[in-house]
C-alpha atoms as a PDB file:
ATOM      1  CA  UNK A   1      27.269-192.916 -42.605  1.00  0.00           C
ATOM      2  CA  UNK A   2      27.387-193.151 -38.839  1.00  0.00           C
ATOM      3  CA  UNK A   3      24.534-195.466 -37.895  1.00  0.00           C
ATOM      4  CA  UNK A   4      25.557-197.291 -34.707  1.00  0.00           C
ATOM      5  CA  UNK A   5      25.289-201.048 -34.574  1.00  0.00           C
ATOM      6  CA  UNK A   6      23.130-202.247 -31.714  1.00  0.00           C
ATOM      7  CA  UNK A   7      24.147-205.599 -30.285  1.00  0.00           C
ATOM      8  CA  UNK A   8      22.505-207.697 -27.569  1.00  0.00           C
ATOM      9  CA  UNK A   9      21.857-205.455 -24.584  1.00  0.00           C
ATOM     10  CA  UNK A  10      20.324-205.633 -21.139  1.00  0.00           C
ATOM     11  CA  UNK A  11      16.553-205.832 -21.128  1.00  0.00           C
ATOM     12  CA  UNK A  12      16.209-202.574 -19.185  1.00  0.00           C
ATOM     13  CA  UNK A  13      17.805-200.454 -21.876  1.00  0.00           C
ATOM     14  CA  UNK A  14      17.179-202.372 -25.072  1.00  0.00           C
ATOM     15  CA  UNK A  15      13.680-200.942 -25.577  1.00  0.00           C
ATOM     16  CA  UNK A  16      14.790-197.351 -25.210  1.00  0.00           C
ATOM     17  CA  UNK A  17      17.826-197.822 -27.435  1.00  0.00           C
ATOM     18  CA  UNK A  18      15.982-199.564 -30.269  1.00  0.00           C
ATOM     19  CA  UNK A  19      13.237-196.932 -30.104  1.00  0.00           C
ATOM     20  CA  UNK A  20      15.908-194.211 -30.225  1.00  0.00           C
ATOM     21  CA  UNK A  21      17.411-195.870 -33.308  1.00  0.00           C
ATOM     22  CA  UNK A  22      13.988-195.969 -34.988  1.00  0.00           C
ATOM     23  CA  UNK A  23      13.362-192.281 -34.336  1.00  0.00           C
ATOM     24  CA  UNK A  24      16.901-191.476 -35.556  1.00  0.00           C
ATOM     25  CA  UNK A  25      16.255-193.352 -38.808  1.00  0.00           C
ATOM     26  CA  UNK A  26      13.003-191.409 -39.195  1.00  0.00           C
ATOM     27  CA  UNK A  27      14.798-188.091 -38.743  1.00  0.00           C
ATOM     28  CA  UNK A  28      13.113-187.244 -35.422  1.00  0.00           C
ATOM     29  CA  UNK A  29      16.348-186.306 -33.716  1.00  0.00           C
ATOM     30  CA  UNK A  30      15.079-184.672 -30.518  1.00  0.00           C
ATOM     31  CA  UNK A  31      12.935-187.690 -29.644  1.00  0.00           C
ATOM     32  CA  UNK A  32      15.799-190.033 -30.554  1.00  0.00           C
ATOM     33  CA  UNK A  33      18.203-188.124 -28.290  1.00  0.00           C
ATOM     34  CA  UNK A  34      15.761-188.223 -25.346  1.00  0.00           C
ATOM     35  CA  UNK A  35      15.374-191.997 -25.635  1.00  0.00           C
ATOM     36  CA  UNK A  36      19.118-192.446 -26.056  1.00  0.00           C
ATOM     37  CA  UNK A  37      19.750-190.532 -22.821  1.00  0.00           C
ATOM     38  CA  UNK A  38      17.104-192.683 -21.161  1.00  0.00           C
ATOM     39  CA  UNK A  39      19.000-195.816 -22.201  1.00  0.00           C
ATOM     40  CA  UNK A  40      22.261-194.359 -20.894  1.00  0.00           C
ATOM     41  CA  UNK A  41      20.628-193.510 -17.578  1.00  0.00           C
ATOM     42  CA  UNK A  42      19.710-197.187 -17.258  1.00  0.00           C
ATOM     43  CA  UNK A  43      23.098-198.523 -18.413  1.00  0.00           C
ATOM     44  CA  UNK A  44      25.847-195.844 -18.555  1.00  0.00           C
ATOM     45  CA  UNK A  45      28.406-198.269 -20.024  1.00  0.00           C
ATOM     46  CA  UNK A  46      26.457-198.936 -23.233  1.00  0.00           C
ATOM     47  CA  UNK A  47      28.861-198.174 -26.073  1.00  0.00           C
ATOM     48  CA  UNK A  48      26.103-198.347 -28.772  1.00  0.00           C
ATOM     49  CA  UNK A  49      24.095-195.754 -26.866  1.00  0.00           C
ATOM     50  CA  UNK A  50      27.059-193.383 -26.704  1.00  0.00           C
ATOM     51  CA  UNK A  51      27.657-193.885 -30.440  1.00  0.00           C
ATOM     52  CA  UNK A  52      24.007-193.272 -31.276  1.00  0.00           C
ATOM     53  CA  UNK A  53      24.086-190.121 -29.149  1.00  0.00           C
ATOM     54  CA  UNK A  54      27.186-189.003 -31.073  1.00  0.00           C
ATOM     55  CA  UNK A  55      25.462-189.661 -34.406  1.00  0.00           C
ATOM     56  CA  UNK A  56      22.392-187.666 -33.354  1.00  0.00           C
ATOM     57  CA  UNK A  57      24.481-184.756 -32.125  1.00  0.00           C
ATOM     58  CA  UNK A  58      26.528-184.860 -35.338  1.00  0.00           C
ATOM     59  CA  UNK A  59      23.352-184.374 -37.363  1.00  0.00           C
ATOM     60  CA  UNK A  60      22.491-181.428 -35.102  1.00  0.00           C
ATOM     61  CA  UNK A  61      25.931-179.839 -35.508  1.00  0.00           C
ATOM     62  CA  UNK A  62      26.743-180.037 -31.780  1.00  0.00           C
ATOM     63  CA  UNK A  63      30.387-180.866 -32.354  1.00  0.00           C
ATOM     64  CA  UNK A  64      31.650-180.370 -28.791  1.00  0.00           C
ATOM     65  CA  UNK A  65      29.012-182.763 -27.487  1.00  0.00           C
ATOM     66  CA  UNK A  66      29.792-185.252 -30.259  1.00  0.00           C
ATOM     67  CA  UNK A  67      33.387-185.364 -29.082  1.00  0.00           C
ATOM     68  CA  UNK A  68      32.257-185.948 -25.492  1.00  0.00           C
ATOM     69  CA  UNK A  69      29.993-188.806 -26.581  1.00  0.00           C
ATOM     70  CA  UNK A  70      32.786-190.430 -28.608  1.00  0.00           C
ATOM     71  CA  UNK A  71      35.219-190.154 -25.708  1.00  0.00           C
ATOM     72  CA  UNK A  72      32.631-191.791 -23.452  1.00  0.00           C
ATOM     73  CA  UNK A  73      32.295-194.656 -25.942  1.00  0.00           C
ATOM     74  CA  UNK A  74      36.094-195.029 -26.061  1.00  0.00           C
ATOM     75  CA  UNK A  75      36.314-195.162 -22.277  1.00  0.00           C
ATOM     76  CA  UNK A  76      34.099-198.241 -22.359  1.00  0.00           C
ATOM     77  CA  UNK A  77      35.709-199.665 -25.521  1.00  0.00           C
ATOM     78  CA  UNK A  78      39.116-198.198 -26.451  1.00  0.00           C
ATOM     79  CA  UNK A  79      39.055-200.235 -29.693  1.00  0.00           C
ATOM     80  CA  UNK A  80      35.841-198.663 -30.994  1.00  0.00           C
ATOM     81  CA  UNK A  81      36.661-197.900 -34.612  1.00  0.00           C
ATOM     82  CA  UNK A  82      33.304-196.205 -35.113  1.00  0.00           C
ATOM     83  CA  UNK A  83      33.986-193.736 -32.286  1.00  0.00           C
ATOM     84  CA  UNK A  84      37.344-192.845 -33.845  1.00  0.00           C
ATOM     85  CA  UNK A  85      35.650-192.462 -37.240  1.00  0.00           C
ATOM     86  CA  UNK A  86      33.008-190.066 -35.934  1.00  0.00           C
ATOM     87  CA  UNK A  87      35.711-188.074 -34.127  1.00  0.00           C
ATOM     88  CA  UNK A  88      37.699-187.867 -37.368  1.00  0.00           C
ATOM     89  CA  UNK A  89      34.627-186.536 -39.198  1.00  0.00           C
ATOM     90  CA  UNK A  90      34.049-183.855 -36.553  1.00  0.00           C
ATOM     91  CA  UNK A  91      37.695-182.788 -36.543  1.00  0.00           C
ATOM     92  CA  UNK A  92      37.559-182.496 -40.315  1.00  0.00           C
ATOM     93  CA  UNK A  93      34.495-180.257 -40.090  1.00  0.00           C
ATOM     94  CA  UNK A  94      36.406-178.105 -37.599  1.00  0.00           C
ATOM     95  CA  UNK A  95      39.354-177.970 -40.052  1.00  0.00           C
ATOM     96  CA  UNK A  96      41.693-179.799 -37.661  1.00  0.00           C
ATOM     97  CA  UNK A  97      42.966-181.956 -40.489  1.00  0.00           C
ATOM     98  CA  UNK A  98      46.075-183.491 -38.909  1.00  0.00           C
ATOM     99  CA  UNK A  99      44.125-184.553 -35.806  1.00  0.00           C
ATOM    100  CA  UNK A 100      41.386-185.914 -38.056  1.00  0.00           C
ATOM    101  CA  UNK A 101      43.938-188.029 -39.936  1.00  0.00           C
ATOM    102  CA  UNK A 102      45.247-189.472 -36.679  1.00  0.00           C
ATOM    103  CA  UNK A 103      41.727-190.417 -35.560  1.00  0.00           C
ATOM    104  CA  UNK A 104      41.010-191.910 -38.961  1.00  0.00           C
ATOM    105  CA  UNK A 105      44.122-194.058 -38.796  1.00  0.00           C
ATOM    106  CA  UNK A 106      43.016-195.275 -35.359  1.00  0.00           C
ATOM    107  CA  UNK A 107      39.626-196.121 -36.878  1.00  0.00           C
ATOM    108  CA  UNK A 108      41.324-198.135 -39.644  1.00  0.00           C
ATOM    109  CA  UNK A 109      43.545-199.938 -37.136  1.00  0.00           C
ATOM    110  CA  UNK A 110      40.546-200.778 -34.947  1.00  0.00           C
ATOM    111  CA  UNK A 111      38.365-201.958 -37.837  1.00  0.00           C
ATOM    112  CA  UNK A 112      40.326-202.568 -41.059  1.00  0.00           C
ATOM    113  CA  UNK A 113      37.150-203.797 -42.765  1.00  0.00           C
ATOM    114  CA  UNK A 114      35.284-200.474 -42.460  1.00  0.00           C
ATOM    115  CA  UNK A 115      35.306-199.069 -46.006  1.00  0.00           C
ATOM    116  CA  UNK A 116      34.133-195.632 -44.872  1.00  0.00           C
ATOM    117  CA  UNK A 117      37.192-195.267 -42.638  1.00  0.00           C
ATOM    118  CA  UNK A 118      39.500-195.813 -45.628  1.00  0.00           C
ATOM    119  CA  UNK A 119      37.378-193.444 -47.723  1.00  0.00           C
ATOM    120  CA  UNK A 120      37.595-190.649 -45.145  1.00  0.00           C
ATOM    121  CA  UNK A 121      41.313-191.253 -44.611  1.00  0.00           C
ATOM    122  CA  UNK A 122      41.928-190.943 -48.348  1.00  0.00           C
ATOM    123  CA  UNK A 123      39.835-187.781 -48.519  1.00  0.00           C
ATOM    124  CA  UNK A 124      41.847-186.189 -45.713  1.00  0.00           C
ATOM    125  CA  UNK A 125      45.188-187.251 -47.186  1.00  0.00           C
ATOM    126  CA  UNK A 126      44.159-185.842 -50.569  1.00  0.00           C
ATOM    127  CA  UNK A 127      43.238-182.565 -48.856  1.00  0.00           C
ATOM    128  CA  UNK A 128      46.761-182.433 -47.426  1.00  0.00           C
ATOM    129  CA  UNK A 129      48.303-183.045 -50.851  1.00  0.00           C
ATOM    130  CA  UNK A 130      49.396-186.618 -50.070  1.00  0.00           C
ATOM    131  CA  UNK A 131      48.101-187.917 -53.391  1.00  0.00           C
ATOM    132  CA  UNK A 132      49.813-191.340 -53.515  1.00  0.00           C
ATOM    133  CA  UNK A 133      48.758-192.145 -49.938  1.00  0.00           C
ATOM    134  CA  UNK A 134      45.199-191.031 -50.696  1.00  0.00           C
ATOM    135  CA  UNK A 135      45.096-193.308 -53.754  1.00  0.00           C
ATOM    136  CA  UNK A 136      46.127-196.269 -51.598  1.00  0.00           C
ATOM    137  CA  UNK A 137      43.359-195.485 -49.099  1.00  0.00           C
ATOM    138  CA  UNK A 138      40.737-195.267 -51.867  1.00  0.00           C
ATOM    139  CA  UNK A 139      41.945-198.601 -53.267  1.00  0.00           C
ATOM    140  CA  UNK A 140      41.524-200.141 -49.813  1.00  0.00           C
ATOM    141  CA  UNK A 141      37.983-198.773 -49.609  1.00  0.00           C
ATOM    142  CA  UNK A 142      37.164-200.248 -53.024  1.00  0.00           C
ATOM    143  CA  UNK A 143      38.578-203.664 -52.104  1.00  0.00           C
ATOM    144  CA  UNK A 144      36.088-203.714 -49.234  1.00  0.00           C
ATOM    145  CA  UNK A 145      33.204-202.167 -51.200  1.00  0.00           C
ATOM    146  CA  UNK A 146      33.648-202.235 -55.003  1.00  0.00           C
ATOM    147  CA  UNK A 147      30.454-200.209 -55.560  1.00  0.00           C
ATOM    148  CA  UNK A 148      31.580-197.304 -53.381  1.00  0.00           C
ATOM    149  CA  UNK A 149      31.390-194.812 -56.244  1.00  0.00           C
ATOM    150  CA  UNK A 150      32.746-191.886 -54.211  1.00  0.00           C
ATOM    151  CA  UNK A 151      35.998-193.784 -53.591  1.00  0.00           C
ATOM    152  CA  UNK A 152      36.310-194.619 -57.294  1.00  0.00           C
ATOM    153  CA  UNK A 153      35.728-191.000 -58.336  1.00  0.00           C
ATOM    154  CA  UNK A 154      38.386-189.820 -55.922  1.00  0.00           C
ATOM    155  CA  UNK A 155      40.824-192.558 -56.916  1.00  0.00           C
ATOM    156  CA  UNK A 156      40.430-191.430 -60.535  1.00  0.00           C
ATOM    157  CA  UNK A 157      41.215-187.848 -59.511  1.00  0.00           C
ATOM    158  CA  UNK A 158      44.338-189.038 -57.668  1.00  0.00           C
ATOM    159  CA  UNK A 159      45.512-191.088 -60.639  1.00  0.00           C
ATOM    160  CA  UNK A 160      44.989-188.117 -62.932  1.00  0.00           C
ATOM    161  CA  UNK A 161      47.125-185.914 -60.680  1.00  0.00           C
ATOM    162  CA  UNK A 162      49.784-188.624 -60.521  1.00  0.00           C
ATOM    163  CA  UNK A 163      49.966-188.561 -64.321  1.00  0.00           C
ATOM    164  CA  UNK A 164      48.320-191.982 -64.697  1.00  0.00           C
ATOM    165  CA  UNK A 165      45.574-190.833 -67.064  1.00  0.00           C
ATOM    166  CA  UNK A 166      44.887-194.262 -68.595  1.00  0.00           C
ATOM    167  CA  UNK A 167      44.375-195.821 -65.170  1.00  0.00           C
ATOM    168  CA  UNK A 168      42.133-192.892 -64.218  1.00  0.00           C
ATOM    169  CA  UNK A 169      39.995-193.477 -67.316  1.00  0.00           C
ATOM    170  CA  UNK A 170      39.579-197.142 -66.349  1.00  0.00           C
ATOM    171  CA  UNK A 171      38.175-196.099 -62.966  1.00  0.00           C
ATOM    172  CA  UNK A 172      35.803-193.553 -64.495  1.00  0.00           C
ATOM    173  CA  UNK A 173      34.578-196.000 -67.110  1.00  0.00           C
ATOM    174  CA  UNK A 174      33.975-198.578 -64.381  1.00  0.00           C
ATOM    175  CA  UNK A 175      31.599-196.128 -62.699  1.00  0.00           C
ATOM    176  CA  UNK A 176      29.974-195.341 -66.037  1.00  0.00           C
ATOM    177  CA  UNK A 177      29.257-199.044 -66.545  1.00  0.00           C
ATOM    178  CA  UNK A 178      27.565-199.154 -63.130  1.00  0.00           C
ATOM    179  CA  UNK A 179      25.855-195.787 -63.485  1.00  0.00           C
ATOM    180  CA  UNK A 180      25.656-194.992 -67.224  1.00  0.00           C
ATOM    181  CA  UNK A 181      23.521-191.912 -66.645  1.00  0.00           C
ATOM    182  CA  UNK A 182      25.691-190.295 -63.972  1.00  0.00           C
ATOM    183  CA  UNK A 183      26.558-186.687 -64.833  1.00  0.00           C
ATOM    184  CA  UNK A 184      29.502-186.672 -62.449  1.00  0.00           C
ATOM    185  CA  UNK A 185      31.126-189.628 -64.224  1.00  0.00           C
ATOM    186  CA  UNK A 186      30.869-187.838 -67.564  1.00  0.00           C
ATOM    187  CA  UNK A 187      32.391-184.693 -66.020  1.00  0.00           C
ATOM    188  CA  UNK A 188      35.355-186.546 -64.567  1.00  0.00           C
ATOM    189  CA  UNK A 189      35.802-188.434 -67.841  1.00  0.00           C
ATOM    190  CA  UNK A 190      35.870-185.072 -69.616  1.00  0.00           C
ATOM    191  CA  UNK A 191      38.351-183.659 -67.129  1.00  0.00           C
ATOM    192  CA  UNK A 192      40.821-186.426 -67.902  1.00  0.00           C
ATOM    193  CA  UNK A 193      40.568-185.862 -71.667  1.00  0.00           C
ATOM    194  CA  UNK A 194      40.867-182.105 -71.036  1.00  0.00           C
ATOM    195  CA  UNK A 195      44.108-182.718 -69.100  1.00  0.00           C
ATOM    196  CA  UNK A 196      45.329-184.739 -72.082  1.00  0.00           C
ATOM    197  CA  UNK A 197      44.453-181.724 -74.301  1.00  0.00           C
ATOM    198  CA  UNK A 198      41.952-183.781 -76.247  1.00  0.00           C
ATOM    199  CA  UNK A 199      39.430-180.954 -76.099  1.00  0.00           C
ATOM    200  CA  UNK A 200      37.013-182.379 -78.663  1.00  0.00           C
ATOM    201  CA  UNK A 201      36.541-185.597 -76.675  1.00  0.00           C
ATOM    202  CA  UNK A 202      36.389-183.640 -73.420  1.00  0.00           C
ATOM    203  CA  UNK A 203      33.658-181.454 -74.897  1.00  0.00           C
ATOM    204  CA  UNK A 204      31.627-184.519 -75.931  1.00  0.00           C
ATOM    205  CA  UNK A 205      31.783-185.812 -72.351  1.00  0.00           C
ATOM    206  CA  UNK A 206      30.750-182.433 -70.934  1.00  0.00           C
ATOM    207  CA  UNK A 207      27.826-182.285 -73.367  1.00  0.00           C
ATOM    208  CA  UNK A 208      26.762-185.740 -72.151  1.00  0.00           C
ATOM    209  CA  UNK A 209      26.864-184.438 -68.572  1.00  0.00           C
ATOM    210  CA  UNK A 210      24.673-181.484 -69.591  1.00  0.00           C
ATOM    211  CA  UNK A 211      22.221-183.857 -71.279  1.00  0.00           C
ATOM    212  CA  UNK A 212      21.942-185.821 -68.014  1.00  0.00           C
ATOM    213  CA  UNK A 213      21.751-182.735 -65.795  1.00  0.00           C
ATOM    214  CA  UNK A 214      21.004-179.499 -67.705  1.00  0.00           C
ATOM    215  CA  UNK A 215      21.124-177.396 -64.525  1.00  0.00           C
ATOM    216  CA  UNK A 216      24.677-178.371 -63.547  1.00  0.00           C
ATOM    217  CA  UNK A 217      26.743-175.158 -63.464  1.00  0.00           C
ATOM    218  CA  UNK A 218      29.972-177.184 -63.469  1.00  0.00           C
ATOM    219  CA  UNK A 219      28.999-178.956 -66.686  1.00  0.00           C
ATOM    220  CA  UNK A 220      28.313-175.669 -68.477  1.00  0.00           C
ATOM    221  CA  UNK A 221      31.513-174.177 -67.027  1.00  0.00           C
ATOM    222  CA  UNK A 222      33.661-177.050 -68.266  1.00  0.00           C
ATOM    223  CA  UNK A 223      31.972-177.056 -71.675  1.00  0.00           C
ATOM    224  CA  UNK A 224      32.744-173.338 -71.903  1.00  0.00           C
ATOM    225  CA  UNK A 225      36.408-174.003 -71.086  1.00  0.00           C
ATOM    226  CA  UNK A 226      36.574-176.645 -73.814  1.00  0.00           C
ATOM    227  CA  UNK A 227      34.967-174.331 -76.373  1.00  0.00           C
ATOM    228  CA  UNK A 228      37.513-171.659 -75.422  1.00  0.00           C
ATOM    229  CA  UNK A 229      40.439-174.028 -76.008  1.00  0.00           C
ATOM    230  CA  UNK A 230      38.913-174.972 -79.370  1.00  0.00           C
ATOM    231  CA  UNK A 231      38.617-171.289 -80.356  1.00  0.00           C
ATOM    232  CA  UNK A 232      34.818-171.413 -80.568  1.00  0.00           C
ATOM    233  CA  UNK A 233      34.303-168.204 -78.667  1.00  0.00           C
ATOM    234  CA  UNK A 234      30.599-167.560 -79.188  1.00  0.00           C
ATOM    235  CA  UNK A 235      29.685-171.015 -77.863  1.00  0.00           C
ATOM    236  CA  UNK A 236      32.109-170.524 -74.961  1.00  0.00           C
ATOM    237  CA  UNK A 237      30.335-167.289 -73.982  1.00  0.00           C
ATOM    238  CA  UNK A 238      26.952-169.023 -74.165  1.00  0.00           C
ATOM    239  CA  UNK A 239      28.024-171.906 -71.904  1.00  0.00           C
ATOM    240  CA  UNK A 240      29.828-169.677 -69.398  1.00  0.00           C
ATOM    241  CA  UNK A 241      26.864-167.316 -69.226  1.00  0.00           C
ATOM    242  CA  UNK A 242      24.611-170.330 -68.569  1.00  0.00           C
ATOM    243  CA  UNK A 243      26.946-171.419 -65.768  1.00  0.00           C
ATOM    244  CA  UNK A 244      26.716-167.996 -64.127  1.00  0.00           C
ATOM    245  CA  UNK A 245      22.945-167.980 -64.378  1.00  0.00           C
ATOM    246  CA  UNK A 246      22.958-171.214 -62.376  1.00  0.00           C
ATOM    247  CA  UNK A 247      25.640-170.070 -59.925  1.00  0.00           C
ATOM    248  CA  UNK A 248      26.474-166.361 -59.774  1.00  0.00           C
ATOM    249  CA  UNK A 249      29.516-166.997 -57.557  1.00  0.00           C
ATOM    250  CA  UNK A 250      31.542-169.020 -60.045  1.00  0.00           C
ATOM    251  CA  UNK A 251      34.848-167.162 -60.071  1.00  0.00           C
ATOM    252  CA  UNK A 252      36.226-169.416 -62.793  1.00  0.00           C
ATOM    253  CA  UNK A 253      33.359-168.548 -65.136  1.00  0.00           C
ATOM    254  CA  UNK A 254      34.321-164.859 -64.957  1.00  0.00           C
ATOM    255  CA  UNK A 255      37.992-165.778 -65.451  1.00  0.00           C
ATOM    256  CA  UNK A 256      37.158-167.803 -68.552  1.00  0.00           C
ATOM    257  CA  UNK A 257      34.845-165.134 -69.937  1.00  0.00           C
ATOM    258  CA  UNK A 258      37.669-162.660 -69.476  1.00  0.00           C
ATOM    259  CA  UNK A 259      39.973-164.948 -71.449  1.00  0.00           C
ATOM    260  CA  UNK A 260      37.387-165.258 -74.227  1.00  0.00           C
ATOM    261  CA  UNK A 261      37.034-161.471 -74.519  1.00  0.00           C
ATOM    262  CA  UNK A 262      40.799-161.048 -74.327  1.00  0.00           C
ATOM    263  CA  UNK A 263      41.211-163.497 -77.215  1.00  0.00           C
ATOM    264  CA  UNK A 264      38.660-161.398 -79.145  1.00  0.00           C
ATOM    265  CA  UNK A 265      40.598-158.229 -78.236  1.00  0.00           C
ATOM    266  CA  UNK A 266      37.546-156.869 -76.398  1.00  0.00           C
ATOM    267  CA  UNK A 267      39.695-155.276 -73.710  1.00  0.00           C
ATOM    268  CA  UNK A 268      37.001-153.438 -71.764  1.00  0.00           C
ATOM    269  CA  UNK A 269      34.792-156.525 -71.492  1.00  0.00           C
ATOM    270  CA  UNK A 270      37.760-158.691 -70.496  1.00  0.00           C
ATOM    271  CA  UNK A 271      38.839-156.247 -67.799  1.00  0.00           C
ATOM    272  CA  UNK A 272      35.293-156.153 -66.405  1.00  0.00           C
ATOM    273  CA  UNK A 273      35.165-159.958 -66.161  1.00  0.00           C
ATOM    274  CA  UNK A 274      38.520-160.154 -64.391  1.00  0.00           C
ATOM    275  CA  UNK A 275      37.386-157.483 -61.934  1.00  0.00           C
ATOM    276  CA  UNK A 276      34.208-159.501 -61.309  1.00  0.00           C
ATOM    277  CA  UNK A 277      36.386-162.547 -60.609  1.00  0.00           C
ATOM    278  CA  UNK A 278      38.481-160.561 -58.118  1.00  0.00           C
ATOM    279  CA  UNK A 279      35.343-159.329 -56.372  1.00  0.00           C
ATOM    280  CA  UNK A 280      34.443-162.963 -55.723  1.00  0.00           C
ATOM    281  CA  UNK A 281      37.990-164.131 -54.997  1.00  0.00           C
ATOM    282  CA  UNK A 282      40.632-161.475 -54.283  1.00  0.00           C
ATOM    283  CA  UNK A 283      43.328-164.162 -54.619  1.00  0.00           C
ATOM    284  CA  UNK A 284      42.451-165.143 -58.167  1.00  0.00           C
ATOM    285  CA  UNK A 285      45.836-165.635 -59.822  1.00  0.00           C
ATOM    286  CA  UNK A 286      44.323-165.669 -63.304  1.00  0.00           C
ATOM    287  CA  UNK A 287      42.434-162.417 -62.762  1.00  0.00           C
ATOM    288  CA  UNK A 288      45.420-160.552 -61.312  1.00  0.00           C
ATOM    289  CA  UNK A 289      47.768-161.706 -64.059  1.00  0.00           C
ATOM    290  CA  UNK A 290      45.375-161.076 -66.942  1.00  0.00           C
ATOM    291  CA  UNK A 291      44.615-157.624 -65.500  1.00  0.00           C
ATOM    292  CA  UNK A 292      48.365-156.940 -65.491  1.00  0.00           C
ATOM    293  CA  UNK A 293      48.599-158.161 -69.076  1.00  0.00           C
ATOM    294  CA  UNK A 294      45.762-155.899 -70.232  1.00  0.00           C
ATOM    295  CA  UNK A 295      47.306-152.919 -68.449  1.00  0.00           C
ATOM    296  CA  UNK A 296      50.740-153.606 -69.939  1.00  0.00           C
ATOM    297  CA  UNK A 297      49.308-153.851 -73.457  1.00  0.00           C
ATOM    298  CA  UNK A 298      47.375-150.621 -72.867  1.00  0.00           C
ATOM    299  CA  UNK A 299      50.485-148.757 -71.736  1.00  0.00           C
ATOM    300  CA  UNK A 300      49.252-148.472 -68.131  1.00  0.00           C
ATOM    301  CA  UNK A 301      52.618-149.214 -66.554  1.00  0.00           C
ATOM    302  CA  UNK A 302      51.724-148.504 -62.924  1.00  0.00           C
ATOM    303  CA  UNK A 303      48.551-150.612 -63.080  1.00  0.00           C
ATOM    304  CA  UNK A 304      50.465-153.426 -64.798  1.00  0.00           C
ATOM    305  CA  UNK A 305      53.120-153.464 -62.075  1.00  0.00           C
ATOM    306  CA  UNK A 306      50.534-153.380 -59.299  1.00  0.00           C
ATOM    307  CA  UNK A 307      48.540-156.298 -60.740  1.00  0.00           C
ATOM    308  CA  UNK A 308      51.697-158.275 -61.540  1.00  0.00           C
ATOM    309  CA  UNK A 309      52.954-157.816 -57.970  1.00  0.00           C
ATOM    310  CA  UNK A 310      49.627-159.157 -56.690  1.00  0.00           C
ATOM    311  CA  UNK A 311      49.904-162.179 -58.996  1.00  0.00           C
ATOM    312  CA  UNK A 312      53.498-162.880 -57.952  1.00  0.00           C
ATOM    313  CA  UNK A 313      52.557-162.621 -54.291  1.00  0.00           C
ATOM    314  CA  UNK A 314      50.089-165.455 -54.877  1.00  0.00           C
ATOM    315  CA  UNK A 315      52.398-167.519 -57.122  1.00  0.00           C
ATOM    316  CA  UNK A 316      56.103-166.553 -57.073  1.00  0.00           C
ATOM    317  CA  UNK A 317      56.794-169.122 -59.836  1.00  0.00           C
ATOM    318  CA  UNK A 318      54.402-167.431 -62.239  1.00  0.00           C
ATOM    319  CA  UNK A 319      56.993-167.231 -65.013  1.00  0.00           C
ATOM    320  CA  UNK A 320      57.439-171.014 -64.872  1.00  0.00           C
ATOM    321  CA  UNK A 321      53.744-171.844 -65.176  1.00  0.00           C
ATOM    322  CA  UNK A 322      52.818-169.418 -67.982  1.00  0.00           C
ATOM    323  CA  UNK A 323      52.479-171.500 -71.150  1.00  0.00           C
ATOM    324  CA  UNK A 324      52.234-168.650 -73.661  1.00  0.00           C
ATOM    325  CA  UNK A 325      55.720-167.329 -74.635  1.00  0.00           C
ATOM    326  CA  UNK A 326      54.257-163.871 -75.288  1.00  0.00           C
ATOM    327  CA  UNK A 327      52.858-163.763 -71.744  1.00  0.00           C
ATOM    328  CA  UNK A 328      56.209-164.847 -70.267  1.00  0.00           C
ATOM    329  CA  UNK A 329      57.861-162.053 -72.263  1.00  0.00           C
ATOM    330  CA  UNK A 330      55.273-159.534 -71.034  1.00  0.00           C
ATOM    331  CA  UNK A 331      55.906-160.560 -67.410  1.00  0.00           C
ATOM    332  CA  UNK A 332      59.650-160.153 -67.892  1.00  0.00           C
ATOM    333  CA  UNK A 333      59.139-156.681 -69.359  1.00  0.00           C
ATOM    334  CA  UNK A 334      56.859-155.601 -66.503  1.00  0.00           C
ATOM    335  CA  UNK A 335      59.351-156.855 -63.918  1.00  0.00           C
ATOM    336  CA  UNK A 336      62.295-155.206 -65.652  1.00  0.00           C
ATOM    337  CA  UNK A 337      60.744-151.736 -65.644  1.00  0.00           C
ATOM    338  CA  UNK A 338      61.613-149.219 -62.874  1.00  0.00           C
ATOM    339  CA  UNK A 339      59.230-149.614 -59.971  1.00  0.00           C
ATOM    340  CA  UNK A 340      56.442-147.055 -59.950  1.00  0.00           C
ATOM    341  CA  UNK A 341      55.029-146.341 -56.493  1.00  0.00           C
END
């Protein structure tokens, strides 16, 4: 992503810099860095050398030094969009999202034709929950590079969240035409149908993803969720168990297994799955609430209140997001009971 562009340079440094680029492309980072420093010793004002040094250090995870190299490049060329882009990437890795967005915007201003700058800006805006702005950034990236599949995937996700499911499907199907055997495209296609509650079609897409990549834990997980919604519990258990075999840390797989067992009135098994989910993610809203529901139905009032309090601490609007009327009624009953210490 961050391969510096080497322009016409002084004869003294050009050999070292081009050799450094060759070693960088070959993955020999230490040798590339040594030659890059050699070029900078000959001509300290070489912006491409500073950018190549930043790219090498980025691969090595030396983020503080990457920032120094980018600042050096910007001292010699304040309009270096690539330096701003690398800085934005580093700030993102350090979870300084707002600063990363500012650097990314500077990168876009400096070089509006750099598709990767728009892609990263959209990714950061999406992370902040600015979905409409992120969609615009992904569209800009695609105008510059129509085969940038990552931007199209992310645009589809934005459109889905904005309630524009038909437009999202168009984007996914565009990728499928370019890459008909891409498991990720089938997964995203399935996700959109799942959101539309067309579980049969969603399941077909997830099965296609599994056919392309049988060892994808996400594909098995999503197929399990679709089987659950369709009431095909045995197949749901099989898919969710397959997902956990491929990735033992899938909290959602335990949550879904718990829901399957709860639907089958296998209370002990359901409780065990929700506890497994909480062991992986103590802030699992589903696991806390379902644990409260099991306890309430079992007459364990204190345990029900404790689990419900934990769920409400995570999501105070729990009553508004519960779709099942019986579950909303159970929450109201738990909350209306005298508090048990």
